[in-house]
Amino acid sequence: MSTKKDRSRPRKKSGKGNRTCVRCGTHQAIIRSYNLYMCRRCFRETAEKLGFRKYQ
């Protein structure tokens, strides 16, 4: 039989599952530029507060 010790795995150190959005916690569509680590949805909501401008 397997014990709890056998089933435990070490934490992920790299890959998509390691990076989460700092605002909502999702793993999808993370923006890592400028060390933002925010998903694109949260970035669109907070971009102006962070100092980004939208060009036309």
Protein backbone atom coordinates (compact mmCIF):
# COMPACT_ATOMS: atom_id res chain seq x y z
CA MET A 1 0.00 0.00 0.00
CA SER A 2 1.11 3.54 -0.64
CA THR A 3 1.60 5.85 2.25
CA LYS A 4 1.30 9.60 2.45
CA LYS A 5 5.07 9.85 2.15
CA ASP A 6 4.95 8.12 -1.26
CA ARG A 7 2.26 10.41 -2.66
CA SER A 8 3.84 13.75 -1.76
CA ARG A 9 5.63 15.52 -4.58
CA PRO A 10 8.17 18.34 -4.46
CA ARG A 11 6.90 21.81 -5.34
CA LYS A 12 7.09 23.01 -8.93
CA LYS A 13 10.03 25.27 -9.65
CA SER A 14 9.29 26.12 -13.27
CA GLY A 15 6.51 26.01 -15.82
CA LYS A 16 3.11 27.58 -16.26
CA GLY A 17 1.68 26.16 -13.04
CA ASN A 18 4.29 27.91 -10.95
CA ARG A 19 3.32 31.44 -12.01
CA THR A 20 0.04 32.93 -10.80
CA CYS A 21 -1.58 36.33 -11.11
CA VAL A 22 -0.82 38.46 -8.06
CA ARG A 23 -4.33 39.90 -8.16
CA CYS A 24 -6.72 37.02 -8.91
CA GLY A 25 -4.53 33.90 -8.72
CA THR A 26 -5.17 32.45 -12.20
CA HIS A 27 -2.47 30.58 -14.14
CA GLN A 28 -3.59 31.68 -17.61
CA ALA A 29 -2.29 34.58 -19.74
CA ILE A 30 0.31 35.88 -17.27
CA ILE A 31 2.16 39.08 -18.24
CA ARG A 32 5.71 38.79 -16.94
CA SER A 33 7.14 41.90 -18.58
CA TYR A 34 8.37 44.49 -16.06
CA ASN A 35 7.89 41.78 -13.37
CA LEU A 36 4.12 42.40 -13.34
CA TYR A 37 3.03 38.74 -12.99
CA MET A 38 -0.58 39.74 -13.69
CA CYS A 39 -3.08 38.07 -15.97
CA ARG A 40 -4.16 40.06 -19.01
CA ARG A 41 -7.64 40.67 -17.58
CA CYS A 42 -6.35 42.21 -14.36
CA PHE A 43 -3.77 44.19 -16.32
CA ARG A 44 -6.46 45.80 -18.48
CA GLU A 45 -8.33 46.86 -15.34
CA THR A 46 -5.31 48.35 -13.55
CA ALA A 47 -3.05 49.53 -16.42
CA GLU A 48 -3.77 53.25 -16.01
CA LYS A 49 -3.12 53.13 -12.26
CA LEU A 50 0.24 51.49 -13.01
CA GLY A 51 1.17 54.30 -15.41
CA PHE A 52 0.56 52.66 -18.78
CA ARG A 53 -1.18 54.59 -21.56
CA LYS A 54 -3.33 53.25 -24.35
CA TYR A 55 -2.27 54.41 -27.80
CA GLN A 56 -4.81 54.79 -30.57
